[in-house]
Protein backbone atom coordinates (compact mmCIF):
# COMPACT_ATOMS: atom_id res chain seq x y z
CA MET A 1 -44.32 -50.53 -68.78
CA LEU A 2 -47.30 -52.40 -67.38
CA ASP A 3 -50.75 -50.90 -67.50
CA PHE A 4 -50.97 -50.71 -63.74
CA LYS A 5 -53.50 -47.83 -63.80
CA ASN A 6 -56.20 -50.14 -65.09
CA SER A 7 -55.13 -53.28 -63.16
CA ASP A 8 -55.29 -53.48 -59.39
CA TYR A 9 -52.18 -55.45 -58.61
CA ARG A 10 -51.47 -56.46 -55.03
CA GLY A 11 -48.65 -58.14 -53.23
CA PHE A 12 -48.99 -60.43 -50.16
CA VAL A 13 -46.60 -62.14 -47.78
CA PHE A 14 -46.69 -65.66 -46.33
CA ALA A 15 -44.50 -64.98 -43.31
CA VAL A 16 -43.31 -68.26 -41.77
CA HIS A 17 -41.46 -68.71 -38.56
CA ALA A 18 -39.72 -72.17 -38.39
CA ASP A 19 -40.79 -72.74 -34.73
CA HIS A 20 -44.18 -71.02 -34.54
CA GLY A 21 -45.70 -71.26 -38.05
CA MET A 22 -47.38 -68.75 -40.34
CA MET A 23 -48.00 -65.27 -39.08
CA LEU A 24 -51.54 -63.98 -39.75
CA LEU A 25 -52.92 -60.58 -38.89
CA HIS A 26 -56.21 -60.22 -37.01
CA CYS A 27 -58.66 -57.60 -38.31
CA THR A 28 -61.71 -56.47 -36.36
CA ARG A 29 -62.11 -53.08 -38.02
CA LYS A 30 -64.23 -54.01 -41.00
CA LYS A 31 -67.84 -54.17 -39.86
CA LYS A 32 -69.12 -55.84 -43.06
CA LYS A 33 -66.73 -58.82 -42.75
CA GLY A 34 -66.57 -59.14 -39.05
CA PRO A 35 -63.38 -60.39 -37.28
CA HIS A 36 -61.10 -62.30 -39.63
CA PHE A 37 -57.47 -63.05 -40.36
CA GLN A 38 -55.41 -61.55 -43.15
CA LEU A 39 -52.03 -61.86 -44.84
CA PRO A 40 -49.71 -58.90 -44.59
CA GLY A 41 -49.86 -57.02 -47.93
CA GLY A 42 -51.94 -54.85 -50.22
CA HIS A 43 -51.96 -52.59 -53.22
CA VAL A 44 -48.82 -52.05 -55.34
CA ASP A 45 -48.41 -48.24 -55.74
CA ALA A 46 -47.56 -46.35 -58.92
CA HIS A 47 -44.08 -45.34 -57.67
CA GLU A 48 -43.19 -49.01 -57.26
CA PHE A 49 -44.12 -49.73 -60.86
CA GLY A 50 -42.01 -46.70 -61.84
CA ALA A 51 -39.01 -47.96 -59.88
CA ALA A 52 -39.37 -51.45 -61.37
CA GLU A 53 -39.51 -49.99 -64.86
CA LYS A 54 -36.02 -48.46 -64.31
CA LEU A 55 -34.70 -51.87 -63.17
CA HIS A 56 -36.16 -54.16 -65.78
CA GLU A 57 -37.26 -54.14 -69.44
CA ASP A 58 -39.40 -57.23 -69.41
CA PRO A 59 -42.95 -56.47 -68.24
CA LEU A 60 -43.19 -59.58 -66.20
CA ASP A 61 -39.93 -58.81 -64.46
CA GLN A 62 -41.24 -55.31 -63.80
CA LEU A 63 -44.49 -56.74 -62.26
CA LEU A 64 -42.54 -59.14 -60.01
CA ALA A 65 -40.25 -56.39 -58.80
CA ALA A 66 -42.95 -53.85 -58.22
CA ALA A 67 -45.13 -56.43 -56.28
CA ARG A 68 -42.13 -57.37 -54.21
CA MET A 69 -41.57 -53.70 -53.30
CA GLY A 70 -45.25 -53.26 -52.56
CA ALA A 71 -45.45 -56.36 -50.41
CA ALA A 72 -42.37 -55.27 -48.38
CA ARG A 73 -43.82 -51.80 -47.87
CA GLU A 74 -47.16 -53.07 -46.75
CA LEU A 75 -45.49 -55.59 -44.44
CA PHE A 76 -43.68 -52.65 -42.81
CA GLU A 77 -46.77 -50.50 -42.59
CA GLU A 78 -48.89 -53.25 -41.10
CA THR A 79 -46.35 -54.89 -38.68
CA GLY A 80 -43.33 -52.67 -38.30
CA MET A 81 -41.25 -55.52 -39.80
CA ASP A 82 -38.80 -53.81 -42.20
CA ILE A 83 -37.20 -55.87 -45.03
CA GLN A 84 -37.38 -53.08 -47.66
CA ARG A 85 -33.56 -53.08 -47.99
CA ASN A 86 -33.56 -56.87 -48.24
CA LEU A 87 -36.13 -57.57 -50.93
CA ASP A 88 -34.41 -60.81 -51.92
CA ARG A 89 -35.79 -62.31 -48.71
CA LEU A 90 -39.20 -62.34 -50.39
CA LYS A 91 -39.28 -65.58 -52.37
CA PRO A 92 -42.04 -65.85 -55.01
CA ALA A 93 -44.47 -68.57 -54.04
CA THR A 94 -44.73 -71.38 -56.58
CA LEU A 95 -48.51 -71.78 -57.26
CA ARG A 96 -48.27 -73.64 -60.56
CA SER A 97 -45.76 -76.04 -62.11
CA GLY A 98 -46.16 -74.97 -65.73
CA VAL A 99 -46.80 -71.82 -67.77
CA GLU A 100 -50.38 -70.52 -67.74
CA ASN A 101 -52.02 -67.64 -69.50
CA ASP A 102 -54.65 -65.21 -68.22
CA ARG A 103 -58.07 -66.46 -69.40
CA LYS A 104 -59.25 -63.01 -70.25
CA THR A 105 -56.23 -61.33 -71.80
CA GLY A 106 -54.20 -64.45 -72.91
CA SER A 107 -51.05 -62.95 -71.43
CA PRO A 108 -48.71 -65.17 -69.42
CA LEU A 109 -49.09 -65.34 -65.65
CA LEU A 110 -46.22 -65.30 -63.17
CA GLY A 111 -45.87 -68.45 -61.13
CA CYS A 112 -46.72 -66.60 -57.92
CA GLU A 113 -49.76 -64.72 -59.39
CA LEU A 114 -53.37 -65.41 -58.80
CA ARG A 115 -56.20 -63.00 -59.59
CA LYS A 116 -53.89 -59.96 -59.92
CA ARG A 117 -52.39 -60.82 -56.60
CA LEU A 118 -48.73 -61.86 -56.21
CA TYR A 119 -47.64 -64.02 -53.29
CA PHE A 120 -44.22 -64.25 -51.57
CA PHE A 121 -42.85 -66.52 -48.88
CA LEU A 122 -40.72 -64.93 -46.19
CA SER A 123 -38.83 -66.98 -43.61
CA VAL A 124 -38.78 -64.97 -40.41
CA THR A 125 -36.87 -65.43 -37.14
CA ASP A 126 -37.09 -63.95 -33.66
CA GLU A 127 -34.74 -61.12 -34.88
CA ASP A 128 -37.53 -59.83 -37.23
CA PHE A 129 -39.77 -59.22 -34.22
CA ILE A 130 -39.53 -56.93 -31.18
CA PRO A 131 -38.65 -58.89 -27.99
CA LYS A 132 -41.09 -58.72 -25.10
CA SER A 133 -38.17 -57.66 -22.86
CA VAL A 134 -38.11 -54.21 -24.54
CA ALA A 135 -38.58 -51.47 -21.98
CA ASN A 136 -41.11 -49.24 -23.92
CA GLN A 137 -43.96 -51.49 -25.13
CA ALA A 138 -46.37 -48.60 -26.10
CA GLY A 139 -48.21 -49.62 -29.26
CA LEU A 140 -46.79 -53.14 -29.24
CA VAL A 141 -48.89 -56.32 -29.22
CA SER A 142 -48.11 -59.95 -28.36
CA PRO A 143 -49.48 -62.74 -30.49
CA ILE A 144 -52.92 -64.23 -29.88
CA GLY A 145 -52.62 -67.77 -28.55
CA SER A 146 -49.78 -69.63 -26.97
CA GLU A 147 -47.23 -69.58 -29.87
CA GLY A 148 -44.40 -67.02 -29.82
CA LYS A 149 -45.52 -65.11 -26.75
CA HIS A 150 -42.01 -63.68 -26.33
CA LEU A 151 -42.36 -61.75 -29.59
CA MET A 152 -44.12 -58.51 -30.30
CA LEU A 153 -45.13 -56.34 -33.32
CA GLN A 154 -46.35 -52.84 -33.91
CA VAL A 155 -49.49 -53.55 -35.93
CA SER A 156 -51.32 -50.90 -37.92
CA VAL A 157 -54.56 -49.37 -36.77
CA GLU A 158 -56.56 -51.51 -39.13
CA HIS A 159 -55.46 -54.59 -37.27
CA SER A 160 -56.05 -55.66 -33.68
CA GLY A 161 -53.29 -58.20 -33.34
CA PHE A 162 -51.54 -61.21 -34.95
CA MET A 163 -51.32 -64.93 -34.49
CA PHE A 164 -48.99 -67.76 -35.41
CA VAL A 165 -50.63 -70.81 -37.02
CA LYS A 166 -48.60 -74.06 -37.06
CA GLU A 167 -50.62 -76.02 -39.51
CA PRO A 168 -50.87 -74.89 -43.16
CA THR A 169 -54.33 -76.39 -43.53
CA GLU A 170 -55.57 -74.25 -40.64
CA SER A 171 -54.10 -71.15 -42.30
CA VAL A 172 -56.06 -72.04 -45.47
CA GLU A 173 -59.29 -72.06 -43.53
CA LEU A 174 -58.58 -68.83 -41.57
CA LEU A 175 -57.78 -66.92 -44.74
CA LYS A 176 -61.01 -67.70 -46.59
CA SER A 177 -62.61 -64.33 -45.58
CA HIS A 178 -59.56 -62.29 -46.68
CA SER A 179 -59.26 -60.72 -50.17
CA GLY A 180 -62.11 -62.80 -51.64
CA GLY A 181 -60.48 -65.92 -50.52
CA ALA A 182 -57.59 -65.51 -52.94
CA GLY A 183 -54.86 -65.92 -50.27
CA SER A 184 -56.49 -69.13 -49.02
CA GLU A 185 -56.56 -70.51 -52.57
CA ALA A 186 -53.00 -69.49 -53.25
CA LEU A 187 -51.74 -71.13 -50.15
CA ARG A 188 -53.68 -74.29 -50.97
CA MET A 189 -52.17 -74.29 -54.46
CA ALA A 190 -48.60 -73.89 -53.07
CA MET A 191 -49.32 -76.72 -50.59
CA ASN A 192 -50.52 -79.14 -53.25
CA LEU A 193 -47.58 -78.36 -55.52
CA ASN A 194 -44.75 -78.31 -53.02
CA ASP A 195 -45.78 -80.84 -50.29
CA PRO A 196 -46.28 -84.46 -51.46
CA ASP A 197 -48.36 -85.22 -48.34
CA GLN A 198 -50.88 -82.59 -49.52
CA ARG A 199 -51.15 -83.60 -53.07
CA GLY A 200 -54.62 -84.61 -54.12
CA THR A 201 -56.31 -83.22 -51.02
CA SER A 202 -58.03 -80.34 -52.75
CA ASP A 203 -60.85 -80.00 -55.22
CA THR A 204 -58.47 -79.40 -58.14
CA PRO A 205 -57.62 -82.27 -60.43
CA MET A 206 -54.25 -84.04 -59.99
CA GLU A 207 -51.52 -82.81 -62.29
CA SER A 208 -50.46 -84.93 -65.19
CA GLU A 209 -47.24 -86.88 -64.75
CA GLU A 210 -45.48 -84.52 -67.16
CA ASN A 211 -46.28 -81.59 -64.98
CA GLN A 212 -45.11 -83.22 -61.70
CA PRO A 213 -42.32 -81.35 -59.76
CA PRO A 214 -38.75 -82.88 -60.05
CA ALA A 215 -38.18 -86.18 -58.29
CA ASP A 216 -35.63 -84.57 -55.97
CA LEU A 217 -38.39 -82.26 -54.60
CA LEU A 218 -40.77 -85.10 -54.06
CA SER A 219 -38.19 -87.17 -52.24
CA LYS A 220 -37.18 -84.53 -49.72
CA PRO A 221 -37.57 -85.87 -46.21
CA ARG A 222 -40.08 -84.02 -44.03
CA ARG A 223 -38.55 -81.59 -41.56
CA GLU A 224 -40.02 -80.52 -38.26
CA SER A 225 -42.05 -77.55 -39.53
CA PRO A 226 -45.13 -78.30 -41.70
CA PHE A 227 -44.20 -75.14 -43.69
CA CYS A 228 -40.72 -76.37 -44.47
CA CYS A 229 -41.47 -76.96 -48.15
CA PHE A 230 -42.35 -73.35 -48.82
CA CYS A 231 -39.22 -71.55 -47.53
């Protein structure tokens, strides 16, 4: 079993609506940081590691399963969106094309892992939200801005609302104040790897030819949503 007691693993969700973009939570409750945007997600709990141990023998498989459970639980707690019985909807984000090891421990890193945080993409539709036509709207909020105004969520007390962001690069900027900027970095890594139009736009060196994604991925035609390459 993983040494989760001495490692603060967390799971986060890139929730993307095909029409409206990425869903970010707005936090105004932390005085030291000031108002900022966050990804749904948080700490992976001990009982989730225990459940993962019963399902898998390989430590990396245990970590992935536990983080998926934790991310789904946090998503429910923070938004009321419940996919805990459909964990396969959480797709591990591809942050790197090859195998990398942790610089401190030398142990292999999962492809969706960055700084003890694991990231998942979730394709959401209107059915995952509460329609604005619902009779009892107590505790429900509509999104900030003009996108998806017909959709509502029941956000947790630590959040004041949510917003849809249509451009991935804007999401990268908005997430820089969350979780030490790890979510922003992870999204940028996924963009550079999965979207040929974004390759070479970051500060990281271009990947060598042998580490490039398969040609069929690079040749995919662009669909309407800028986030289409992630889901």
